[in-house]
Amino acid sequence: MNSLNNAQRINMKKLLSHIPSQFILPIFILGGIIAGLGGYTIYMSRVHSYLSDDPSACINCHIMTPYYQSWDHSSHAQWATCNDCHVPHDNIINTYAFKAKDGLYHAAVFTLRKEPTAIRPKDASYSVIMNNCIRCHTQLNTEFVKTGMIGYCDVKEGKGKACWDCHTEVPHTKISSIVASPNAIVPLPKSPVPQWLKERMKK
């Protein structure tokens, strides 16, 4: 362990020897500020909540409130979370890779205030959603009505219909934007302020 620490110190000294001495302190200060702001942003945006299956994580972004409310009042709320429909379930790597890619895209769009009034899935999401419809309703889709024999790529080629072409109200009804449901009642996101700090602020 000591030899490893000594090697690390030597490597750090070598690295710092290439940097003019007047820049070393400002670089460390700047690095600390960036790390601090990064940590604060991660904490305040409740990034950890997106690792769960809790649908209320979606309403960290207020624009998702009508979609949460329509799901909450649907029959799907008893059986399926947002992740059950909106992320792939073929393996855990694909699940979290898809969540990360979608999450970063959404974060960028919402941060830049470029979100559309009516949110629509992209083709990759449509494919995942339809695959999950078939996955959850396997017997119905593959034995009875045979609709599960096609995928979303076939739908795009005009070889069949997507599930939602017929089931237009499932599960989000026809609500398509925050404007269509301005008074949606949903649980408020949990405060990022720790309880001990709240108690100190009361005194």
C-alpha atoms as a PDB file:
ATOM      1  CA  MET A   1       0.000   0.000   0.000  1.00  0.00           C
ATOM      2  CA  ASN A   2       2.829   2.410   0.924  1.00  0.00           C
ATOM      3  CA  SER A   3       4.689   1.688  -2.309  1.00  0.00           C
ATOM      4  CA  LEU A   4       1.477   2.394  -4.244  1.00  0.00           C
ATOM      5  CA  ASN A   5       1.022   5.700  -2.413  1.00  0.00           C
ATOM      6  CA  ASN A   6       4.657   6.631  -3.090  1.00  0.00           C
ATOM      7  CA  ALA A   7       4.218   5.843  -6.786  1.00  0.00           C
ATOM      8  CA  GLN A   8       1.103   8.025  -6.866  1.00  0.00           C
ATOM      9  CA  ARG A   9       2.968  10.902  -5.191  1.00  0.00           C
ATOM     10  CA  ILE A  10       5.831  10.590  -7.681  1.00  0.00           C
ATOM     11  CA  ASN A  11       3.393  10.573 -10.617  1.00  0.00           C
ATOM     12  CA  MET A  12       1.584  13.616  -9.201  1.00  0.00           C
ATOM     13  CA  LYS A  13       4.890  15.497  -8.783  1.00  0.00           C
ATOM     14  CA  LYS A  14       5.858  14.644 -12.360  1.00  0.00           C
ATOM     15  CA  LEU A  15       2.503  15.912 -13.599  1.00  0.00           C
ATOM     16  CA  LEU A  16       2.709  19.120 -11.580  1.00  0.00           C
ATOM     17  CA  SER A  17       6.286  19.746 -12.733  1.00  0.00           C
ATOM     18  CA  HIS A  18       4.951  20.342 -16.253  1.00  0.00           C
ATOM     19  CA  ILE A  19       2.578  23.068 -15.021  1.00  0.00           C
ATOM     20  CA  PRO A  20       3.894  26.587 -14.246  1.00  0.00           C
ATOM     21  CA  SER A  21       3.780  27.112 -10.467  1.00  0.00           C
ATOM     22  CA  GLN A  22       1.529  30.191 -10.697  1.00  0.00           C
ATOM     23  CA  PHE A  23      -1.193  28.073 -12.352  1.00  0.00           C
ATOM     24  CA  ILE A  24      -1.232  25.191  -9.872  1.00  0.00           C
ATOM     25  CA  LEU A  25      -3.372  26.850  -7.161  1.00  0.00           C
ATOM     26  CA  PRO A  26      -5.918  28.353  -9.631  1.00  0.00           C
ATOM     27  CA  ILE A  27      -6.251  24.944 -11.347  1.00  0.00           C
ATOM     28  CA  PHE A  28      -6.991  23.244  -8.014  1.00  0.00           C
ATOM     29  CA  ILE A  29      -9.478  25.984  -7.062  1.00  0.00           C
ATOM     30  CA  LEU A  30     -11.211  25.754 -10.440  1.00  0.00           C
ATOM     31  CA  GLY A  31     -11.282  21.945 -10.203  1.00  0.00           C
ATOM     32  CA  GLY A  32     -12.835  22.185  -6.738  1.00  0.00           C
ATOM     33  CA  ILE A  33     -15.488  24.631  -7.948  1.00  0.00           C
ATOM     34  CA  ILE A  34     -16.372  22.402 -10.925  1.00  0.00           C
ATOM     35  CA  ALA A  35     -16.508  19.278  -8.724  1.00  0.00           C
ATOM     36  CA  GLY A  36     -18.596  21.109  -6.102  1.00  0.00           C
ATOM     37  CA  LEU A  37     -21.073  22.521  -8.622  1.00  0.00           C
ATOM     38  CA  GLY A  38     -21.261  19.143 -10.347  1.00  0.00           C
ATOM     39  CA  GLY A  39     -22.007  17.379  -7.074  1.00  0.00           C
ATOM     40  CA  TYR A  40     -24.565  20.040  -6.114  1.00  0.00           C
ATOM     41  CA  THR A  41     -26.304  19.716  -9.500  1.00  0.00           C
ATOM     42  CA  ILE A  42     -26.441  15.930  -9.217  1.00  0.00           C
ATOM     43  CA  TYR A  43     -27.861  16.185  -5.685  1.00  0.00           C
ATOM     44  CA  MET A  44     -30.439  18.897  -6.434  1.00  0.00           C
ATOM     45  CA  SER A  45     -31.663  17.184  -9.602  1.00  0.00           C
ATOM     46  CA  ARG A  46     -32.149  13.957  -7.648  1.00  0.00           C
ATOM     47  CA  VAL A  47     -30.233  11.896 -10.201  1.00  0.00           C
ATOM     48  CA  HIS A  48     -30.352   8.866  -7.895  1.00  0.00           C
ATOM     49  CA  SER A  49     -34.150   8.749  -8.217  1.00  0.00           C
ATOM     50  CA  TYR A  50     -33.841   7.794 -11.892  1.00  0.00           C
ATOM     51  CA  LEU A  51     -32.164   4.524 -10.930  1.00  0.00           C
ATOM     52  CA  SER A  52     -35.405   3.371  -9.312  1.00  0.00           C
ATOM     53  CA  ASP A  53     -38.704   2.178 -10.782  1.00  0.00           C
ATOM     54  CA  ASP A  54     -40.636   4.893  -8.955  1.00  0.00           C
ATOM     55  CA  PRO A  55     -42.879   6.703 -11.490  1.00  0.00           C
ATOM     56  CA  SER A  56     -42.777   9.878  -9.392  1.00  0.00           C
ATOM     57  CA  ALA A  57     -39.163  10.317 -10.544  1.00  0.00           C
ATOM     58  CA  CYS A  58     -40.580  11.367 -13.918  1.00  0.00           C
ATOM     59  CA  ILE A  59     -42.268  14.410 -12.410  1.00  0.00           C
ATOM     60  CA  ASN A  60     -38.948  15.880 -11.342  1.00  0.00           C
ATOM     61  CA  CYS A  61     -39.606  17.657 -14.643  1.00  0.00           C
ATOM     62  CA  HIS A  62     -42.918  19.550 -14.369  1.00  0.00           C
ATOM     63  CA  ILE A  63     -43.721  19.042 -18.044  1.00  0.00           C
ATOM     64  CA  MET A  64     -44.317  15.357 -17.320  1.00  0.00           C
ATOM     65  CA  THR A  65     -47.156  15.987 -14.853  1.00  0.00           C
ATOM     66  CA  PRO A  66     -50.066  15.366 -17.292  1.00  0.00           C
ATOM     67  CA  TYR A  67     -48.484  12.100 -18.404  1.00  0.00           C
ATOM     68  CA  TYR A  68     -48.005  10.990 -14.800  1.00  0.00           C
ATOM     69  CA  GLN A  69     -51.584  11.906 -13.900  1.00  0.00           C
ATOM     70  CA  SER A  70     -53.124  10.133 -16.888  1.00  0.00           C
ATOM     71  CA  TRP A  71     -51.053   7.004 -16.115  1.00  0.00           C
ATOM     72  CA  ASP A  72     -51.995   7.220 -12.417  1.00  0.00           C
ATOM     73  CA  HIS A  73     -55.700   7.188 -13.309  1.00  0.00           C
ATOM     74  CA  SER A  74     -55.384   4.331 -15.788  1.00  0.00           C
ATOM     75  CA  SER A  75     -55.668   0.586 -15.230  1.00  0.00           C
ATOM     76  CA  HIS A  76     -51.970   0.311 -16.063  1.00  0.00           C
ATOM     77  CA  ALA A  77     -51.085   2.085 -12.815  1.00  0.00           C
ATOM     78  CA  GLN A  78     -52.001  -1.107 -10.934  1.00  0.00           C
ATOM     79  CA  TRP A  79     -49.654  -3.261 -12.976  1.00  0.00           C
ATOM     80  CA  ALA A  80     -46.965  -1.259 -14.738  1.00  0.00           C
ATOM     81  CA  THR A  81     -44.530   1.535 -13.944  1.00  0.00           C
ATOM     82  CA  CYS A  82     -43.070   3.958 -16.482  1.00  0.00           C
ATOM     83  CA  ASN A  83     -40.007   1.723 -16.836  1.00  0.00           C
ATOM     84  CA  ASP A  84     -42.149  -1.301 -17.639  1.00  0.00           C
ATOM     85  CA  CYS A  85     -43.300   0.415 -20.825  1.00  0.00           C
ATOM     86  CA  HIS A  86     -40.594   2.901 -21.734  1.00  0.00           C
ATOM     87  CA  VAL A  87     -37.291   1.013 -21.417  1.00  0.00           C
ATOM     88  CA  PRO A  88     -36.155  -2.274 -22.997  1.00  0.00           C
ATOM     89  CA  HIS A  89     -36.171  -5.404 -20.851  1.00  0.00           C
ATOM     90  CA  ASP A  90     -34.069  -7.811 -22.892  1.00  0.00           C
ATOM     91  CA  ASN A  91     -31.088  -7.346 -20.550  1.00  0.00           C
ATOM     92  CA  ILE A  92     -29.984  -5.045 -17.739  1.00  0.00           C
ATOM     93  CA  ILE A  93     -27.229  -3.389 -19.789  1.00  0.00           C
ATOM     94  CA  ASN A  94     -29.685  -2.319 -22.502  1.00  0.00           C
ATOM     95  CA  THR A  95     -32.151  -1.171 -19.845  1.00  0.00           C
ATOM     96  CA  TYR A  96     -29.752   1.231 -18.145  1.00  0.00           C
ATOM     97  CA  ALA A  97     -28.009   2.269 -21.374  1.00  0.00           C
ATOM     98  CA  PHE A  98     -31.380   3.272 -22.831  1.00  0.00           C
ATOM     99  CA  LYS A  99     -32.375   5.074 -19.632  1.00  0.00           C
ATOM    100  CA  ALA A 100     -29.064   6.956 -19.582  1.00  0.00           C
ATOM    101  CA  LYS A 101     -29.290   7.964 -23.252  1.00  0.00           C
ATOM    102  CA  ASP A 102     -32.911   9.086 -22.928  1.00  0.00           C
ATOM    103  CA  GLY A 103     -32.247  10.797 -19.601  1.00  0.00           C
ATOM    104  CA  LEU A 104     -29.306  12.811 -20.907  1.00  0.00           C
ATOM    105  CA  TYR A 105     -31.318  13.851 -23.952  1.00  0.00           C
ATOM    106  CA  HIS A 106     -34.277  14.925 -21.806  1.00  0.00           C
ATOM    107  CA  ALA A 107     -32.037  16.762 -19.346  1.00  0.00           C
ATOM    108  CA  ALA A 108     -30.396  18.697 -22.177  1.00  0.00           C
ATOM    109  CA  VAL A 109     -33.733  19.584 -23.780  1.00  0.00           C
ATOM    110  CA  PHE A 110     -35.371  20.674 -20.513  1.00  0.00           C
ATOM    111  CA  THR A 111     -32.315  22.608 -19.330  1.00  0.00           C
ATOM    112  CA  LEU A 112     -32.194  24.562 -22.590  1.00  0.00           C
ATOM    113  CA  ARG A 113     -35.998  25.050 -22.458  1.00  0.00           C
ATOM    114  CA  LYS A 114     -36.353  23.476 -25.906  1.00  0.00           C
ATOM    115  CA  GLU A 115     -39.046  20.974 -24.988  1.00  0.00           C
ATOM    116  CA  PRO A 116     -41.996  20.803 -27.431  1.00  0.00           C
ATOM    117  CA  THR A 117     -45.499  21.615 -26.244  1.00  0.00           C
ATOM    118  CA  ALA A 118     -46.592  18.082 -27.106  1.00  0.00           C
ATOM    119  CA  ILE A 119     -44.068  15.394 -26.235  1.00  0.00           C
ATOM    120  CA  ARG A 120     -43.882  12.477 -28.631  1.00  0.00           C
ATOM    121  CA  PRO A 121     -41.606   9.418 -28.453  1.00  0.00           C
ATOM    122  CA  LYS A 122     -38.826   9.034 -30.966  1.00  0.00           C
ATOM    123  CA  ASP A 123     -38.733   5.963 -33.227  1.00  0.00           C
ATOM    124  CA  ALA A 124     -36.402   4.087 -30.854  1.00  0.00           C
ATOM    125  CA  SER A 125     -38.868   4.701 -28.007  1.00  0.00           C
ATOM    126  CA  TYR A 126     -41.870   3.676 -30.111  1.00  0.00           C
ATOM    127  CA  SER A 127     -40.124   0.385 -30.866  1.00  0.00           C
ATOM    128  CA  VAL A 128     -39.393  -0.219 -27.173  1.00  0.00           C
ATOM    129  CA  ILE A 129     -42.963   0.647 -26.155  1.00  0.00           C
ATOM    130  CA  MET A 130     -44.495  -1.715 -28.714  1.00  0.00           C
ATOM    131  CA  ASN A 131     -42.113  -4.521 -27.738  1.00  0.00           C
ATOM    132  CA  ASN A 132     -43.191  -4.041 -24.127  1.00  0.00           C
ATOM    133  CA  CYS A 133     -46.879  -4.131 -25.070  1.00  0.00           C
ATOM    134  CA  ILE A 134     -46.227  -7.501 -26.716  1.00  0.00           C
ATOM    135  CA  ARG A 135     -44.050  -8.674 -23.803  1.00  0.00           C
ATOM    136  CA  CYS A 136     -46.704  -7.956 -21.171  1.00  0.00           C
ATOM    137  CA  HIS A 137     -49.608  -9.241 -23.264  1.00  0.00           C
ATOM    138  CA  THR A 138     -47.757 -12.207 -24.729  1.00  0.00           C
ATOM    139  CA  GLN A 139     -50.610 -14.701 -24.788  1.00  0.00           C
ATOM    140  CA  LEU A 140     -53.107 -12.222 -26.213  1.00  0.00           C
ATOM    141  CA  ASN A 141     -50.705 -10.972 -28.862  1.00  0.00           C
ATOM    142  CA  THR A 142     -49.206 -14.249 -30.005  1.00  0.00           C
ATOM    143  CA  GLU A 143     -51.936 -16.847 -29.520  1.00  0.00           C
ATOM    144  CA  PHE A 144     -55.290 -15.130 -29.856  1.00  0.00           C
ATOM    145  CA  VAL A 145     -55.208 -12.100 -32.141  1.00  0.00           C
ATOM    146  CA  LYS A 146     -51.695 -12.652 -33.572  1.00  0.00           C
ATOM    147  CA  THR A 147     -50.832  -8.938 -33.514  1.00  0.00           C
ATOM    148  CA  GLY A 148     -47.599  -9.601 -31.673  1.00  0.00           C
ATOM    149  CA  MET A 149     -46.136 -11.217 -34.747  1.00  0.00           C
ATOM    150  CA  ILE A 150     -44.959  -7.829 -36.037  1.00  0.00           C
ATOM    151  CA  GLY A 151     -42.682  -5.160 -34.612  1.00  0.00           C
ATOM    152  CA  TYR A 152     -42.651  -1.385 -34.935  1.00  0.00           C
ATOM    153  CA  CYS A 153     -40.308  -1.584 -37.944  1.00  0.00           C
ATOM    154  CA  ASP A 154     -43.091  -3.500 -39.745  1.00  0.00           C
ATOM    155  CA  VAL A 155     -45.583  -0.813 -38.769  1.00  0.00           C
ATOM    156  CA  LYS A 156     -43.359   1.854 -40.331  1.00  0.00           C
ATOM    157  CA  GLU A 157     -43.295  -0.177 -43.548  1.00  0.00           C
ATOM    158  CA  GLY A 158     -47.096  -0.335 -43.592  1.00  0.00           C
ATOM    159  CA  LYS A 159     -47.270  -4.062 -42.795  1.00  0.00           C
ATOM    160  CA  GLY A 160     -49.534  -3.660 -39.794  1.00  0.00           C
ATOM    161  CA  LYS A 161     -50.726  -1.359 -37.035  1.00  0.00           C
ATOM    162  CA  ALA A 162     -49.083  -0.291 -33.816  1.00  0.00           C
ATOM    163  CA  CYS A 163     -50.869  -1.179 -30.588  1.00  0.00           C
ATOM    164  CA  TRP A 164     -51.808   2.457 -29.952  1.00  0.00           C
ATOM    165  CA  ASP A 165     -53.418   2.867 -33.382  1.00  0.00           C
ATOM    166  CA  CYS A 166     -56.405   1.037 -31.893  1.00  0.00           C
ATOM    167  CA  HIS A 167     -55.839   1.525 -28.164  1.00  0.00           C
ATOM    168  CA  THR A 168     -55.701   5.313 -28.392  1.00  0.00           C
ATOM    169  CA  GLU A 169     -56.592   5.902 -24.728  1.00  0.00           C
ATOM    170  CA  VAL A 170     -53.990   3.523 -23.233  1.00  0.00           C
ATOM    171  CA  PRO A 171     -52.619   4.509 -20.833  1.00  0.00           C
ATOM    172  CA  HIS A 172     -52.253   8.284 -21.197  1.00  0.00           C
ATOM    173  CA  THR A 173     -55.624   9.044 -22.834  1.00  0.00           C
ATOM    174  CA  LYS A 174     -55.338  11.633 -25.590  1.00  0.00           C
ATOM    175  CA  ILE A 175     -53.610  14.185 -23.387  1.00  0.00           C
ATOM    176  CA  SER A 176     -50.608  15.348 -25.334  1.00  0.00           C
ATOM    177  CA  SER A 177     -49.177  18.313 -23.463  1.00  0.00           C
ATOM    178  CA  ILE A 178     -49.013  20.254 -20.228  1.00  0.00           C
ATOM    179  CA  VAL A 179     -51.339  22.799 -21.871  1.00  0.00           C
ATOM    180  CA  ALA A 180     -54.041  20.139 -22.257  1.00  0.00           C
ATOM    181  CA  SER A 181     -53.987  19.411 -18.521  1.00  0.00           C
ATOM    182  CA  PRO A 182     -52.863  22.582 -16.738  1.00  0.00           C
ATOM    183  CA  ASN A 183     -54.249  21.563 -13.342  1.00  0.00           C
ATOM    184  CA  ALA A 184     -52.882  18.039 -13.157  1.00  0.00           C
ATOM    185  CA  ILE A 185     -52.639  16.930  -9.525  1.00  0.00           C
ATOM    186  CA  VAL A 186     -49.515  14.899  -8.839  1.00  0.00           C
ATOM    187  CA  PRO A 187     -47.288  14.331  -5.807  1.00  0.00           C
ATOM    188  CA  LEU A 188     -44.687  17.035  -5.371  1.00  0.00           C
ATOM    189  CA  PRO A 189     -41.068  15.898  -5.801  1.00  0.00           C
ATOM    190  CA  LYS A 190     -39.355  15.370  -2.449  1.00  0.00           C
ATOM    191  CA  SER A 191     -37.391  18.345  -1.215  1.00  0.00           C
ATOM    192  CA  PRO A 192     -33.634  17.957  -1.676  1.00  0.00           C
ATOM    193  CA  VAL A 193     -33.065  19.861   1.583  1.00  0.00           C
ATOM    194  CA  PRO A 194     -32.051  17.348   4.289  1.00  0.00           C
ATOM    195  CA  GLN A 195     -34.284  17.069   7.361  1.00  0.00           C
ATOM    196  CA  TRP A 196     -31.538  18.158   9.781  1.00  0.00           C
ATOM    197  CA  LEU A 197     -31.092  21.395   7.818  1.00  0.00           C
ATOM    198  CA  LYS A 198     -34.849  22.063   7.782  1.00  0.00           C
ATOM    199  CA  GLU A 199     -34.899  21.716  11.570  1.00  0.00           C
ATOM    200  CA  ARG A 200     -31.927  24.061  11.940  1.00  0.00           C
ATOM    201  CA  MET A 201     -33.635  26.650   9.702  1.00  0.00           C
ATOM    202  CA  LYS A 202     -36.739  26.602  11.923  1.00  0.00           C
ATOM    203  CA  LYS A 203     -34.710  27.675  14.968  1.00  0.00           C
END
